[in-house]
Amino acid sequence: MNKQQLIDKIRQFLELQPGWDSYGALAIDPAIIEAAVKLVEAVDVWGPPWPTVVPCSGGQLQFEWDGQEQGLELELETAATIHYLKWDPPIEEEEIFSIDDTKRVVELIEWYFGTLKGD
């Protein structure tokens, strides 16, 4: 995978219609999709390992990295905010911050990559 393929995957979620999960899920907010694309373009530390990008039933979008015991999730709850969850037992941490804080996004992704190397 590369950045363009990640962007293409994100844009595919524009095709999801309401009820896409057969349980009444909302369509993914186009503003969130475009914010996710801009975030991918602005940050240079995406992978490998590349995140899995998944739609959320409330109309949001989430990037997920899932290791053996550690993980990182960056959920775009709105086009302006990211809610992150990181864990590396026994530590678990979550917070909400501005999507414009790309430095924080880089720190979180680098933290995850560091856990894979045993840093």
C-alpha atoms as a PDB file:
ATOM      1  CA  MET A   1       0.000   0.000   0.000  1.00  0.00           C
ATOM      2  CA  ASN A   2       1.004   3.612  -0.442  1.00  0.00           C
ATOM      3  CA  LYS A   3      -0.486   7.014   0.387  1.00  0.00           C
ATOM      4  CA  GLN A   4      -2.509   7.214  -2.818  1.00  0.00           C
ATOM      5  CA  GLN A   5      -4.020   3.780  -2.226  1.00  0.00           C
ATOM      6  CA  LEU A   6      -4.924   4.833   1.315  1.00  0.00           C
ATOM      7  CA  ILE A   7      -6.613   7.963  -0.062  1.00  0.00           C
ATOM      8  CA  ASP A   8      -8.452   5.900  -2.676  1.00  0.00           C
ATOM      9  CA  LYS A   9      -9.705   3.556   0.059  1.00  0.00           C
ATOM     10  CA  ILE A  10     -10.991   6.512   2.094  1.00  0.00           C
ATOM     11  CA  ARG A  11     -12.806   7.996  -0.899  1.00  0.00           C
ATOM     12  CA  GLN A  12     -14.560   4.664  -1.566  1.00  0.00           C
ATOM     13  CA  PHE A  13     -16.566   5.290   1.597  1.00  0.00           C
ATOM     14  CA  LEU A  14     -18.399   8.092  -0.240  1.00  0.00           C
ATOM     15  CA  GLU A  15     -20.327   5.293  -1.977  1.00  0.00           C
ATOM     16  CA  LEU A  16     -21.775   3.885   1.254  1.00  0.00           C
ATOM     17  CA  GLN A  17     -25.495   4.532   1.513  1.00  0.00           C
ATOM     18  CA  PRO A  18     -27.457   4.888   4.763  1.00  0.00           C
ATOM     19  CA  GLY A  19     -27.983   1.421   6.248  1.00  0.00           C
ATOM     20  CA  TRP A  20     -24.760   0.091   4.665  1.00  0.00           C
ATOM     21  CA  ASP A  21     -24.232  -2.234   7.640  1.00  0.00           C
ATOM     22  CA  SER A  22     -27.851  -3.514   7.516  1.00  0.00           C
ATOM     23  CA  TYR A  23     -28.382  -2.091  11.029  1.00  0.00           C
ATOM     24  CA  GLY A  24     -29.260   1.509  10.143  1.00  0.00           C
ATOM     25  CA  ALA A  25     -25.747   2.955   9.918  1.00  0.00           C
ATOM     26  CA  LEU A  26     -25.436   6.510   8.686  1.00  0.00           C
ATOM     27  CA  ALA A  27     -23.685   7.335   5.438  1.00  0.00           C
ATOM     28  CA  ILE A  28     -20.135   8.514   6.073  1.00  0.00           C
ATOM     29  CA  ASP A  29     -20.049  12.292   6.320  1.00  0.00           C
ATOM     30  CA  PRO A  30     -18.357  13.624   3.139  1.00  0.00           C
ATOM     31  CA  ALA A  31     -16.721  16.400   5.195  1.00  0.00           C
ATOM     32  CA  ILE A  32     -15.073  13.727   7.366  1.00  0.00           C
ATOM     33  CA  ILE A  33     -13.871  11.860   4.290  1.00  0.00           C
ATOM     34  CA  GLU A  34     -12.275  14.996   2.858  1.00  0.00           C
ATOM     35  CA  ALA A  35     -10.731  15.842   6.243  1.00  0.00           C
ATOM     36  CA  ALA A  36      -9.262  12.317   6.353  1.00  0.00           C
ATOM     37  CA  VAL A  37      -7.799  12.742   2.862  1.00  0.00           C
ATOM     38  CA  LYS A  38      -6.217  16.073   3.847  1.00  0.00           C
ATOM     39  CA  LEU A  39      -4.806  14.455   6.981  1.00  0.00           C
ATOM     40  CA  VAL A  40      -3.203  11.634   4.988  1.00  0.00           C
ATOM     41  CA  GLU A  41      -1.721  14.177   2.579  1.00  0.00           C
ATOM     42  CA  ALA A  42      -0.360  16.318   5.443  1.00  0.00           C
ATOM     43  CA  VAL A  43       1.297  13.524   7.439  1.00  0.00           C
ATOM     44  CA  ASP A  44       4.271  11.544   6.115  1.00  0.00           C
ATOM     45  CA  VAL A  45       4.568   8.703   8.644  1.00  0.00           C
ATOM     46  CA  TRP A  46       1.617   6.491   7.639  1.00  0.00           C
ATOM     47  CA  GLY A  47       3.369   3.215   7.047  1.00  0.00           C
ATOM     48  CA  PRO A  48       4.228   0.473   6.782  1.00  0.00           C
ATOM     49  CA  PRO A  49       2.495  -0.936   8.650  1.00  0.00           C
ATOM     50  CA  TRP A  50      -0.431   0.809   7.020  1.00  0.00           C
ATOM     51  CA  PRO A  51      -3.580   1.384   9.014  1.00  0.00           C
ATOM     52  CA  THR A  52      -6.846  -0.321   8.314  1.00  0.00           C
ATOM     53  CA  VAL A  53      -9.466   2.313   7.499  1.00  0.00           C
ATOM     54  CA  VAL A  54     -12.990   1.492   8.589  1.00  0.00           C
ATOM     55  CA  PRO A  55     -16.318   3.273   8.454  1.00  0.00           C
ATOM     56  CA  CYS A  56     -18.193   3.758  11.725  1.00  0.00           C
ATOM     57  CA  SER A  57     -21.956   3.324  11.985  1.00  0.00           C
ATOM     58  CA  GLY A  58     -22.446   6.909  13.226  1.00  0.00           C
ATOM     59  CA  GLY A  59     -21.013   8.403  10.006  1.00  0.00           C
ATOM     60  CA  GLN A  60     -17.407   8.686  11.200  1.00  0.00           C
ATOM     61  CA  LEU A  61     -14.173   7.171   9.908  1.00  0.00           C
ATOM     62  CA  GLN A  62     -11.406   5.404  11.818  1.00  0.00           C
ATOM     63  CA  PHE A  63      -7.766   4.503  11.187  1.00  0.00           C
ATOM     64  CA  GLU A  64      -6.672   1.379  13.107  1.00  0.00           C
ATOM     65  CA  TRP A  65      -3.302  -0.187  13.808  1.00  0.00           C
ATOM     66  CA  ASP A  66      -3.561  -3.436  15.734  1.00  0.00           C
ATOM     67  CA  GLY A  67      -0.425  -5.162  16.957  1.00  0.00           C
ATOM     68  CA  GLN A  68       0.019  -8.260  19.064  1.00  0.00           C
ATOM     69  CA  GLU A  69      -0.749  -6.475  22.325  1.00  0.00           C
ATOM     70  CA  GLN A  70      -0.661  -2.791  21.461  1.00  0.00           C
ATOM     71  CA  GLY A  71      -2.850  -0.707  19.230  1.00  0.00           C
ATOM     72  CA  LEU A  72      -3.802   2.721  18.049  1.00  0.00           C
ATOM     73  CA  GLU A  73      -7.114   4.069  16.784  1.00  0.00           C
ATOM     74  CA  LEU A  74      -7.621   7.525  15.308  1.00  0.00           C
ATOM     75  CA  GLU A  75     -11.322   8.229  14.852  1.00  0.00           C
ATOM     76  CA  LEU A  76     -12.457  11.291  12.962  1.00  0.00           C
ATOM     77  CA  GLU A  77     -15.583  12.025  14.959  1.00  0.00           C
ATOM     78  CA  THR A  78     -16.121  15.274  13.043  1.00  0.00           C
ATOM     79  CA  ALA A  79     -14.248  16.984  10.232  1.00  0.00           C
ATOM     80  CA  ALA A  80     -12.459  19.014  12.928  1.00  0.00           C
ATOM     81  CA  THR A  81     -11.653  16.478  15.663  1.00  0.00           C
ATOM     82  CA  ILE A  82      -9.789  13.236  16.214  1.00  0.00           C
ATOM     83  CA  HIS A  83     -10.547  10.939  19.118  1.00  0.00           C
ATOM     84  CA  TYR A  84      -7.596   8.650  19.691  1.00  0.00           C
ATOM     85  CA  LEU A  85      -7.212   5.520  21.754  1.00  0.00           C
ATOM     86  CA  LYS A  86      -3.828   3.922  22.292  1.00  0.00           C
ATOM     87  CA  TRP A  87      -3.012   0.917  24.381  1.00  0.00           C
ATOM     88  CA  ASP A  88       0.052  -1.057  25.340  1.00  0.00           C
ATOM     89  CA  PRO A  89      -0.958  -3.001  28.466  1.00  0.00           C
ATOM     90  CA  PRO A  90      -1.161  -1.994  31.191  1.00  0.00           C
ATOM     91  CA  ILE A  91      -1.325   1.531  29.707  1.00  0.00           C
ATOM     92  CA  GLU A  92      -4.441   2.785  27.944  1.00  0.00           C
ATOM     93  CA  GLU A  93      -4.901   6.412  26.936  1.00  0.00           C
ATOM     94  CA  GLU A  94      -7.493   8.376  25.005  1.00  0.00           C
ATOM     95  CA  GLU A  95      -8.122  11.994  24.202  1.00  0.00           C
ATOM     96  CA  ILE A  96      -9.797  14.275  21.669  1.00  0.00           C
ATOM     97  CA  PHE A  97      -7.801  16.906  19.786  1.00  0.00           C
ATOM     98  CA  SER A  98      -8.002  19.119  16.714  1.00  0.00           C
ATOM     99  CA  ILE A  99      -7.445  17.492  13.342  1.00  0.00           C
ATOM    100  CA  ASP A 100      -5.177  20.454  12.567  1.00  0.00           C
ATOM    101  CA  ASP A 101      -2.708  19.188  15.188  1.00  0.00           C
ATOM    102  CA  THR A 102      -0.753  17.066  12.710  1.00  0.00           C
ATOM    103  CA  LYS A 103       2.218  17.061  15.083  1.00  0.00           C
ATOM    104  CA  ARG A 104       0.083  15.078  17.564  1.00  0.00           C
ATOM    105  CA  VAL A 105      -0.950  12.644  14.808  1.00  0.00           C
ATOM    106  CA  VAL A 106       2.717  12.090  13.922  1.00  0.00           C
ATOM    107  CA  GLU A 107       3.603  11.540  17.609  1.00  0.00           C
ATOM    108  CA  LEU A 108       0.858   8.931  17.988  1.00  0.00           C
ATOM    109  CA  ILE A 109       1.807   7.019  14.847  1.00  0.00           C
ATOM    110  CA  GLU A 110       5.500   7.123  15.791  1.00  0.00           C
ATOM    111  CA  TRP A 111       4.564   5.895  19.293  1.00  0.00           C
ATOM    112  CA  TYR A 112       2.820   2.900  17.727  1.00  0.00           C
ATOM    113  CA  PHE A 113       5.749   2.133  15.406  1.00  0.00           C
ATOM    114  CA  GLY A 114       8.063   2.352  18.442  1.00  0.00           C
ATOM    115  CA  THR A 115       6.014  -0.271  20.312  1.00  0.00           C
ATOM    116  CA  LEU A 116       6.546  -2.651  17.390  1.00  0.00           C
ATOM    117  CA  LYS A 117      10.311  -2.224  17.664  1.00  0.00           C
ATOM    118  CA  GLY A 118      10.282  -2.551  21.425  1.00  0.00           C
ATOM    119  CA  ASP A 119      11.256   1.102  22.004  1.00  0.00           C
END
